Amino acid sequence: MKISSSLKSLKKRDLNSKMVKRRGKIYIINKKKPKFKARQG
C-alpha cells in the first residue's frame, strides 16, 4: 500500500479505482487489481 499526501494522481492510475473513507482516513481501493491500494496521511 502506498501512503501519499495527495491521492489524485494515484486514483488516475486505473479506471476501476474508488475513493473510500474509513475510520477518518481516505483510501483508494481497486477490486480488479487488488495490488493498487493507497492511503492518505
N, C-alpha and C. Protein backbone atom coordinates (compact mmCIF):
# COMPACT_ATOMS: atom_id res chain seq x y z
N MET A 1 0.84 -1.18 0.00
CA MET A 1 0.00 0.00 0.00
C MET A 1 0.88 1.24 0.00
N LYS A 2 0.59 2.15 -0.92
CA LYS A 2 1.32 3.41 -0.97
C LYS A 2 0.67 4.39 -0.01
N ILE A 3 1.49 5.16 0.69
CA ILE A 3 0.98 6.21 1.56
C ILE A 3 1.40 7.53 0.94
N SER A 4 0.42 8.36 0.63
CA SER A 4 0.68 9.56 -0.14
C SER A 4 -0.04 10.74 0.47
N SER A 5 0.49 11.95 0.24
CA SER A 5 -0.18 13.15 0.75
C SER A 5 -1.28 13.59 -0.20
N SER A 6 -1.17 13.22 -1.49
CA SER A 6 -2.21 13.56 -2.45
C SER A 6 -2.57 12.31 -3.23
N LEU A 7 -3.87 11.98 -3.26
CA LEU A 7 -4.30 10.73 -3.88
C LEU A 7 -4.79 10.90 -5.30
N LYS A 8 -4.86 12.14 -5.78
CA LYS A 8 -5.45 12.38 -7.10
C LYS A 8 -4.69 11.63 -8.20
N SER A 9 -3.36 11.70 -8.17
CA SER A 9 -2.57 11.03 -9.20
C SER A 9 -2.67 9.52 -9.10
N LEU A 10 -2.79 9.01 -7.86
CA LEU A 10 -2.89 7.56 -7.68
C LEU A 10 -4.25 7.04 -8.12
N LYS A 11 -5.26 7.89 -8.03
CA LYS A 11 -6.60 7.49 -8.46
C LYS A 11 -6.65 7.36 -9.99
N LYS A 12 -5.86 8.18 -10.67
CA LYS A 12 -5.85 8.15 -12.13
C LYS A 12 -5.09 6.95 -12.70
N ARG A 13 -4.37 6.22 -11.85
CA ARG A 13 -3.58 5.08 -12.34
C ARG A 13 -4.45 4.03 -13.02
N ASP A 14 -5.68 3.86 -12.54
CA ASP A 14 -6.57 2.84 -13.10
C ASP A 14 -8.00 3.35 -13.06
N LEU A 15 -8.81 2.96 -14.04
CA LEU A 15 -10.18 3.45 -14.12
C LEU A 15 -11.08 2.86 -13.04
N ASN A 16 -10.72 1.67 -12.52
CA ASN A 16 -11.57 1.00 -11.54
C ASN A 16 -11.29 1.44 -10.10
N SER A 17 -10.38 2.38 -9.91
CA SER A 17 -10.05 2.83 -8.57
C SER A 17 -11.20 3.62 -7.95
N LYS A 18 -11.45 3.34 -6.67
CA LYS A 18 -12.51 4.05 -5.96
C LYS A 18 -11.94 4.67 -4.69
N MET A 19 -12.47 5.84 -4.33
CA MET A 19 -12.04 6.52 -3.12
C MET A 19 -13.01 6.17 -1.99
N VAL A 20 -12.47 5.72 -0.87
CA VAL A 20 -13.30 5.30 0.25
C VAL A 20 -12.77 5.96 1.52
N LYS A 21 -13.68 6.39 2.38
CA LYS A 21 -13.27 6.95 3.66
C LYS A 21 -13.60 5.95 4.77
N ARG A 22 -12.56 5.52 5.47
CA ARG A 22 -12.76 4.55 6.56
C ARG A 22 -12.00 5.02 7.79
N ARG A 23 -12.70 5.08 8.92
CA ARG A 23 -12.09 5.47 10.19
C ARG A 23 -11.30 6.77 10.08
N GLY A 24 -11.85 7.74 9.33
CA GLY A 24 -11.21 9.05 9.22
C GLY A 24 -10.05 9.13 8.26
N LYS A 25 -9.67 8.01 7.64
CA LYS A 25 -8.58 8.01 6.65
C LYS A 25 -9.17 7.78 5.27
N ILE A 26 -8.53 8.36 4.27
CA ILE A 26 -9.02 8.20 2.91
C ILE A 26 -8.17 7.14 2.21
N TYR A 27 -8.86 6.16 1.62
CA TYR A 27 -8.18 5.05 0.95
C TYR A 27 -8.58 5.02 -0.51
N ILE A 28 -7.70 4.46 -1.34
CA ILE A 28 -8.06 4.15 -2.72
C ILE A 28 -7.99 2.64 -2.85
N ILE A 29 -9.08 2.04 -3.31
CA ILE A 29 -9.11 0.59 -3.47
C ILE A 29 -9.49 0.27 -4.91
N ASN A 30 -9.12 -0.91 -5.33
CA ASN A 30 -9.39 -1.34 -6.69
C ASN A 30 -9.75 -2.82 -6.65
N LYS A 31 -10.99 -3.15 -7.02
CA LYS A 31 -11.43 -4.55 -6.97
C LYS A 31 -10.78 -5.40 -8.05
N LYS A 32 -10.55 -4.80 -9.23
CA LYS A 32 -10.00 -5.58 -10.34
C LYS A 32 -8.51 -5.86 -10.16
N LYS A 33 -7.77 -4.86 -9.62
CA LYS A 33 -6.35 -5.04 -9.35
C LYS A 33 -6.10 -4.75 -7.88
N PRO A 34 -6.22 -5.77 -7.02
CA PRO A 34 -6.13 -5.53 -5.57
C PRO A 34 -4.77 -4.98 -5.13
N LYS A 35 -3.78 -5.05 -6.01
CA LYS A 35 -2.45 -4.53 -5.69
C LYS A 35 -2.45 -3.01 -5.62
N PHE A 36 -3.36 -2.35 -6.33
CA PHE A 36 -3.40 -0.90 -6.39
C PHE A 36 -4.15 -0.34 -5.18
N LYS A 37 -3.43 -0.16 -4.09
CA LYS A 37 -4.06 0.40 -2.90
C LYS A 37 -3.26 1.62 -2.47
N ALA A 38 -3.92 2.59 -1.87
CA ALA A 38 -3.23 3.77 -1.35
C ALA A 38 -3.99 4.33 -0.16
N ARG A 39 -3.24 5.05 0.68
CA ARG A 39 -3.83 5.67 1.85
C ARG A 39 -3.27 7.08 1.97
N GLN A 40 -4.12 8.01 2.40
CA GLN A 40 -3.65 9.38 2.58
C GLN A 40 -3.25 9.60 4.03
N GLY A 41 -2.13 10.32 4.23
CA GLY A 41 -1.74 10.67 5.59
C GLY A 41 -0.30 10.37 5.91
